[in-house]
N, C-alpha and C. Protein backbone atom coordinates (compact mmCIF):
# COMPACT_ATOMS: atom_id res chain seq x y z
N MET A 1 197.16 -37.36 -150.11
CA MET A 1 196.17 -38.42 -150.15
C MET A 1 195.14 -38.11 -151.24
N ILE A 2 194.83 -39.09 -152.03
CA ILE A 2 193.85 -38.95 -153.10
C ILE A 2 192.44 -39.14 -152.52
N LYS A 3 191.55 -38.30 -152.99
CA LYS A 3 190.15 -38.38 -152.59
C LYS A 3 189.33 -38.79 -153.82
N ILE A 4 188.35 -39.66 -153.62
CA ILE A 4 187.47 -40.11 -154.71
C ILE A 4 186.09 -39.51 -154.49
N GLU A 5 185.56 -38.89 -155.52
CA GLU A 5 184.21 -38.33 -155.48
C GLU A 5 183.42 -38.87 -156.67
N LEU A 6 182.16 -39.14 -156.47
CA LEU A 6 181.28 -39.58 -157.54
C LEU A 6 180.26 -38.50 -157.85
N THR A 7 180.06 -38.24 -159.12
CA THR A 7 179.05 -37.27 -159.53
C THR A 7 177.67 -37.88 -159.36
N HIS A 8 176.68 -37.03 -159.48
CA HIS A 8 175.29 -37.48 -159.43
C HIS A 8 175.06 -38.51 -160.54
N GLN A 9 175.61 -38.26 -161.73
CA GLN A 9 175.46 -39.20 -162.84
C GLN A 9 176.07 -40.56 -162.52
N ALA A 10 177.24 -40.57 -161.90
CA ALA A 10 177.88 -41.84 -161.53
C ALA A 10 177.03 -42.61 -160.53
N MET A 11 176.41 -41.90 -159.59
CA MET A 11 175.53 -42.56 -158.63
C MET A 11 174.30 -43.15 -159.32
N LEU A 12 173.75 -42.42 -160.29
CA LEU A 12 172.63 -42.95 -161.07
C LEU A 12 173.05 -44.19 -161.85
N ASP A 13 174.26 -44.15 -162.41
CA ASP A 13 174.77 -45.30 -163.15
C ASP A 13 174.91 -46.53 -162.25
N LEU A 14 175.43 -46.32 -161.04
CA LEU A 14 175.56 -47.44 -160.09
C LEU A 14 174.20 -48.05 -159.77
N ASN A 15 173.22 -47.20 -159.55
CA ASN A 15 171.87 -47.67 -159.27
C ASN A 15 171.32 -48.48 -160.44
N GLU A 16 171.54 -47.98 -161.65
CA GLU A 16 171.08 -48.67 -162.85
C GLU A 16 171.77 -50.03 -163.03
N ILE A 17 173.08 -50.05 -162.79
CA ILE A 17 173.84 -51.31 -162.88
C ILE A 17 173.31 -52.30 -161.86
N ASN A 18 173.05 -51.83 -160.65
CA ASN A 18 172.53 -52.69 -159.60
C ASN A 18 171.16 -53.26 -159.97
N GLU A 19 170.26 -52.40 -160.40
CA GLU A 19 168.91 -52.85 -160.75
C GLU A 19 168.93 -53.84 -161.91
N TYR A 20 169.73 -53.54 -162.93
CA TYR A 20 169.84 -54.44 -164.08
C TYR A 20 170.41 -55.79 -163.65
N SER A 21 171.47 -55.76 -162.83
CA SER A 21 172.11 -56.99 -162.38
C SER A 21 171.17 -57.84 -161.54
N ILE A 22 170.38 -57.20 -160.68
CA ILE A 22 169.40 -57.95 -159.87
C ILE A 22 168.39 -58.64 -160.78
N GLN A 23 167.85 -57.90 -161.74
CA GLN A 23 166.84 -58.46 -162.64
C GLN A 23 167.41 -59.58 -163.50
N LYS A 24 168.62 -59.39 -164.00
CA LYS A 24 169.20 -60.33 -164.95
C LYS A 24 169.90 -61.51 -164.28
N PHE A 25 170.59 -61.25 -163.16
CA PHE A 25 171.46 -62.26 -162.57
C PHE A 25 171.18 -62.59 -161.10
N GLY A 26 170.38 -61.75 -160.43
CA GLY A 26 170.06 -62.00 -159.03
C GLY A 26 170.82 -61.09 -158.07
N GLN A 27 170.32 -61.04 -156.84
CA GLN A 27 170.85 -60.14 -155.80
C GLN A 27 172.32 -60.40 -155.50
N LYS A 28 172.68 -61.66 -155.36
CA LYS A 28 174.05 -62.00 -154.98
C LYS A 28 175.06 -61.52 -156.04
N THR A 29 174.73 -61.73 -157.29
CA THR A 29 175.61 -61.29 -158.37
C THR A 29 175.68 -59.77 -158.43
N ALA A 30 174.55 -59.11 -158.21
CA ALA A 30 174.52 -57.64 -158.21
C ALA A 30 175.43 -57.10 -157.10
N GLU A 31 175.35 -57.70 -155.92
CA GLU A 31 176.20 -57.27 -154.81
C GLU A 31 177.67 -57.47 -155.13
N LYS A 32 178.01 -58.59 -155.77
CA LYS A 32 179.39 -58.87 -156.15
C LYS A 32 179.89 -57.84 -157.15
N TYR A 33 179.04 -57.47 -158.09
CA TYR A 33 179.41 -56.47 -159.10
C TYR A 33 179.71 -55.13 -158.43
N LEU A 34 178.83 -54.71 -157.53
CA LEU A 34 179.04 -53.44 -156.82
C LEU A 34 180.28 -53.51 -155.92
N ASP A 35 180.52 -54.68 -155.32
CA ASP A 35 181.73 -54.86 -154.52
C ASP A 35 182.99 -54.69 -155.39
N ASP A 36 182.94 -55.22 -156.62
CA ASP A 36 184.07 -55.09 -157.53
C ASP A 36 184.31 -53.62 -157.90
N ILE A 37 183.23 -52.87 -158.10
CA ILE A 37 183.37 -51.44 -158.41
C ILE A 37 183.96 -50.71 -157.21
N GLU A 38 183.49 -51.04 -156.02
CA GLU A 38 184.03 -50.41 -154.80
C GLU A 38 185.52 -50.73 -154.64
N ALA A 39 185.90 -51.98 -154.91
CA ALA A 39 187.31 -52.36 -154.81
C ALA A 39 188.15 -51.59 -155.84
N ALA A 40 187.60 -51.38 -157.02
CA ALA A 40 188.31 -50.60 -158.04
C ALA A 40 188.50 -49.16 -157.59
N LEU A 41 187.49 -48.59 -156.96
CA LEU A 41 187.60 -47.21 -156.46
C LEU A 41 188.68 -47.11 -155.39
N LEU A 42 188.75 -48.09 -154.51
CA LEU A 42 189.78 -48.09 -153.47
C LEU A 42 191.17 -48.23 -154.09
N LEU A 43 191.27 -49.06 -155.12
CA LEU A 43 192.55 -49.24 -155.81
C LEU A 43 192.99 -47.96 -156.50
N ILE A 44 192.05 -47.28 -157.14
CA ILE A 44 192.36 -46.00 -157.79
C ILE A 44 192.79 -44.97 -156.74
N LYS A 45 192.14 -45.01 -155.60
CA LYS A 45 192.50 -44.08 -154.51
C LYS A 45 193.95 -44.28 -154.09
N GLU A 46 194.37 -45.55 -154.04
CA GLU A 46 195.74 -45.87 -153.64
C GLU A 46 196.74 -45.67 -154.79
N GLN A 47 196.28 -45.92 -156.02
CA GLN A 47 197.16 -45.86 -157.17
C GLN A 47 196.48 -45.13 -158.34
N PRO A 48 196.33 -43.83 -158.25
CA PRO A 48 195.59 -43.09 -159.28
C PRO A 48 196.22 -43.17 -160.67
N LYS A 49 197.48 -43.56 -160.73
CA LYS A 49 198.13 -43.70 -162.04
C LYS A 49 197.58 -44.88 -162.83
N LEU A 50 196.74 -45.69 -162.21
CA LEU A 50 196.10 -46.79 -162.92
C LEU A 50 195.05 -46.29 -163.91
N LEU A 51 194.59 -45.06 -163.72
CA LEU A 51 193.65 -44.47 -164.68
C LEU A 51 194.37 -44.30 -166.01
N VAL A 52 193.70 -44.70 -167.08
CA VAL A 52 194.31 -44.69 -168.41
C VAL A 52 193.65 -43.62 -169.27
N SER A 53 194.48 -42.87 -169.97
CA SER A 53 193.96 -41.91 -170.95
C SER A 53 193.82 -42.62 -172.29
N LYS A 54 192.76 -42.30 -172.99
CA LYS A 54 192.54 -42.84 -174.33
C LYS A 54 192.30 -41.66 -175.24
N ASN A 55 193.36 -41.16 -175.81
CA ASN A 55 193.27 -39.95 -176.62
C ASN A 55 192.35 -40.12 -177.83
N ASP A 56 192.19 -41.35 -178.30
CA ASP A 56 191.28 -41.58 -179.43
C ASP A 56 189.82 -41.51 -178.98
N THR A 57 189.58 -41.58 -177.68
CA THR A 57 188.23 -41.52 -177.14
C THR A 57 187.93 -40.15 -176.56
N SER A 58 188.83 -39.64 -175.74
CA SER A 58 188.62 -38.33 -175.11
C SER A 58 189.94 -37.80 -174.57
N LYS A 59 190.14 -36.51 -174.70
CA LYS A 59 191.32 -35.87 -174.13
C LYS A 59 191.08 -35.43 -172.70
N PHE A 60 189.82 -35.36 -172.31
CA PHE A 60 189.43 -34.87 -171.00
C PHE A 60 189.32 -35.99 -169.96
N PHE A 61 188.88 -37.17 -170.38
CA PHE A 61 188.56 -38.26 -169.46
C PHE A 61 189.70 -39.27 -169.32
N GLN A 62 189.68 -39.97 -168.17
CA GLN A 62 190.55 -41.11 -167.93
C GLN A 62 189.64 -42.29 -167.59
N PHE A 63 190.15 -43.49 -167.82
CA PHE A 63 189.31 -44.69 -167.73
C PHE A 63 189.94 -45.75 -166.83
N TYR A 64 189.06 -46.54 -166.22
CA TYR A 64 189.50 -47.71 -165.48
C TYR A 64 188.46 -48.81 -165.71
N PRO A 65 188.89 -49.97 -166.24
CA PRO A 65 187.93 -51.05 -166.49
C PRO A 65 187.58 -51.83 -165.22
N VAL A 66 186.28 -52.12 -165.08
CA VAL A 66 185.80 -52.96 -163.99
C VAL A 66 184.78 -53.92 -164.60
N ARG A 67 185.15 -55.17 -164.67
CA ARG A 67 184.30 -56.20 -165.28
C ARG A 67 183.85 -55.73 -166.66
N ASN A 68 182.57 -55.48 -166.87
CA ASN A 68 182.05 -55.10 -168.19
C ASN A 68 181.83 -53.60 -168.33
N HIS A 69 182.38 -52.82 -167.43
CA HIS A 69 182.16 -51.38 -167.45
C HIS A 69 183.48 -50.61 -167.37
N TYR A 70 183.40 -49.35 -167.72
CA TYR A 70 184.51 -48.42 -167.53
C TYR A 70 184.08 -47.36 -166.52
N LEU A 71 184.94 -47.12 -165.54
CA LEU A 71 184.79 -45.94 -164.70
C LEU A 71 185.39 -44.81 -165.53
N ILE A 72 184.63 -43.77 -165.75
CA ILE A 72 185.11 -42.65 -166.55
C ILE A 72 185.31 -41.49 -165.60
N CYS A 73 186.56 -41.05 -165.52
CA CYS A 73 186.98 -40.13 -164.47
C CYS A 73 187.71 -38.92 -165.03
N THR A 74 187.87 -37.95 -164.17
CA THR A 74 188.79 -36.85 -164.40
C THR A 74 189.52 -36.62 -163.09
N ARG A 75 190.70 -36.07 -163.20
CA ARG A 75 191.49 -35.84 -161.99
C ARG A 75 191.86 -34.37 -161.91
N VAL A 76 191.60 -33.79 -160.76
CA VAL A 76 191.96 -32.40 -160.48
C VAL A 76 192.75 -32.42 -159.18
N LYS A 77 194.05 -32.16 -159.32
CA LYS A 77 194.98 -32.18 -158.19
C LYS A 77 194.88 -33.52 -157.47
N ASN A 78 194.45 -33.53 -156.22
CA ASN A 78 194.41 -34.78 -155.45
C ASN A 78 192.99 -35.37 -155.38
N ILE A 79 192.13 -34.98 -156.33
CA ILE A 79 190.77 -35.49 -156.34
C ILE A 79 190.50 -36.21 -157.66
N VAL A 80 190.07 -37.46 -157.57
CA VAL A 80 189.61 -38.20 -158.73
C VAL A 80 188.09 -38.14 -158.70
N ILE A 81 187.52 -37.63 -159.77
CA ILE A 81 186.07 -37.51 -159.85
C ILE A 81 185.57 -38.55 -160.85
N VAL A 82 184.74 -39.47 -160.35
CA VAL A 82 184.11 -40.46 -161.23
C VAL A 82 182.90 -39.77 -161.83
N LEU A 83 182.96 -39.56 -163.13
CA LEU A 83 181.93 -38.80 -163.82
C LEU A 83 180.73 -39.66 -164.20
N THR A 84 181.02 -40.86 -164.70
CA THR A 84 179.98 -41.76 -165.16
C THR A 84 180.56 -43.17 -165.24
N ILE A 85 179.71 -44.15 -165.37
CA ILE A 85 180.13 -45.55 -165.49
C ILE A 85 179.38 -46.12 -166.69
N LYS A 86 180.12 -46.55 -167.70
CA LYS A 86 179.48 -47.00 -168.94
C LYS A 86 179.94 -48.41 -169.31
N HIS A 87 179.02 -49.15 -169.92
CA HIS A 87 179.29 -50.51 -170.37
C HIS A 87 180.32 -50.49 -171.50
N TYR A 88 181.19 -51.49 -171.51
CA TYR A 88 182.27 -51.50 -172.49
C TYR A 88 181.79 -51.68 -173.93
N GLN A 89 180.60 -52.24 -174.13
CA GLN A 89 180.09 -52.42 -175.49
C GLN A 89 179.49 -51.14 -176.07
N MET A 90 179.31 -50.14 -175.25
CA MET A 90 178.77 -48.87 -175.72
C MET A 90 179.80 -48.19 -176.62
N ASP A 91 179.36 -47.47 -177.59
CA ASP A 91 180.26 -46.68 -178.43
C ASP A 91 180.73 -45.49 -177.59
N LEU A 92 181.82 -45.70 -176.86
CA LEU A 92 182.30 -44.69 -175.92
C LEU A 92 182.62 -43.35 -176.57
N PRO A 93 183.36 -43.32 -177.67
CA PRO A 93 183.65 -41.99 -178.24
C PRO A 93 182.39 -41.19 -178.56
N GLU A 94 181.41 -41.84 -179.15
CA GLU A 94 180.17 -41.13 -179.51
C GLU A 94 179.41 -40.69 -178.26
N ARG A 95 179.25 -41.61 -177.31
CA ARG A 95 178.49 -41.29 -176.10
C ARG A 95 179.17 -40.21 -175.27
N LEU A 96 180.49 -40.30 -175.15
CA LEU A 96 181.22 -39.30 -174.37
C LEU A 96 181.21 -37.94 -175.05
N ASN A 97 181.22 -37.95 -176.37
CA ASN A 97 181.12 -36.68 -177.10
C ASN A 97 179.80 -35.98 -176.75
N GLU A 98 178.74 -36.75 -176.60
CA GLU A 98 177.44 -36.20 -176.21
C GLU A 98 177.46 -35.70 -174.77
N LEU A 99 178.09 -36.47 -173.88
CA LEU A 99 178.06 -36.18 -172.45
C LEU A 99 179.12 -35.19 -171.98
N GLU A 100 180.19 -35.04 -172.74
CA GLU A 100 181.35 -34.29 -172.26
C GLU A 100 181.02 -32.90 -171.71
N PRO A 101 180.25 -32.07 -172.40
CA PRO A 101 179.99 -30.73 -171.82
C PRO A 101 179.32 -30.78 -170.44
N SER A 102 178.31 -31.61 -170.28
CA SER A 102 177.62 -31.65 -169.00
C SER A 102 178.48 -32.32 -167.93
N LEU A 103 179.26 -33.33 -168.29
CA LEU A 103 180.12 -33.98 -167.30
C LEU A 103 181.24 -33.05 -166.86
N GLN A 104 181.80 -32.27 -167.79
CA GLN A 104 182.83 -31.30 -167.41
C GLN A 104 182.25 -30.27 -166.45
N GLN A 105 181.06 -29.81 -166.74
CA GLN A 105 180.42 -28.81 -165.88
C GLN A 105 180.16 -29.38 -164.49
N GLU A 106 179.65 -30.61 -164.42
CA GLU A 106 179.39 -31.22 -163.12
C GLU A 106 180.69 -31.43 -162.35
N ALA A 107 181.75 -31.83 -163.04
CA ALA A 107 183.05 -32.02 -162.38
C ALA A 107 183.57 -30.70 -161.82
N GLU A 108 183.44 -29.63 -162.58
CA GLU A 108 183.90 -28.32 -162.12
C GLU A 108 183.11 -27.85 -160.90
N LEU A 109 181.81 -28.05 -160.92
CA LEU A 109 180.98 -27.67 -159.78
C LEU A 109 181.34 -28.47 -158.54
N LEU A 110 181.53 -29.78 -158.72
CA LEU A 110 181.91 -30.64 -157.59
C LEU A 110 183.26 -30.24 -157.03
N TYR A 111 184.21 -29.96 -157.91
CA TYR A 111 185.54 -29.56 -157.47
C TYR A 111 185.48 -28.26 -156.66
N LYS A 112 184.71 -27.28 -157.14
CA LYS A 112 184.57 -26.01 -156.42
C LYS A 112 183.93 -26.23 -155.05
N LYS A 113 182.94 -27.12 -155.00
CA LYS A 113 182.25 -27.44 -153.74
C LYS A 113 183.22 -28.06 -152.74
N LEU A 114 184.13 -28.87 -153.23
CA LEU A 114 185.07 -29.57 -152.34
C LEU A 114 186.16 -28.66 -151.79
N LEU A 115 186.42 -27.57 -152.49
CA LEU A 115 187.45 -26.63 -152.03
C LEU A 115 186.94 -25.77 -150.96
């Protein structure tokens, strides 16, 4: 059975997406957006092969699109770790290059904690 874990950064991203969506589009739309992300997480849990590698972006991360965002994940054995959630218009290769060391470290710490 696959387990899904979210890093502290991913939780911060969800909060930011929610706050932005409420301000820009209203509570109902924000809730729908978060529901879509939750549905994507459940789908990944059932079918982890849906995560896509983008070697031109990162060799370490895997991606899953949800509306206007990407769930950026790594997989260790039977655990999918959602590292961060970024908007699709962001320059992902550049941003991930900046974040990769800290996200890798957080993923390793979370994985050790789960064992």
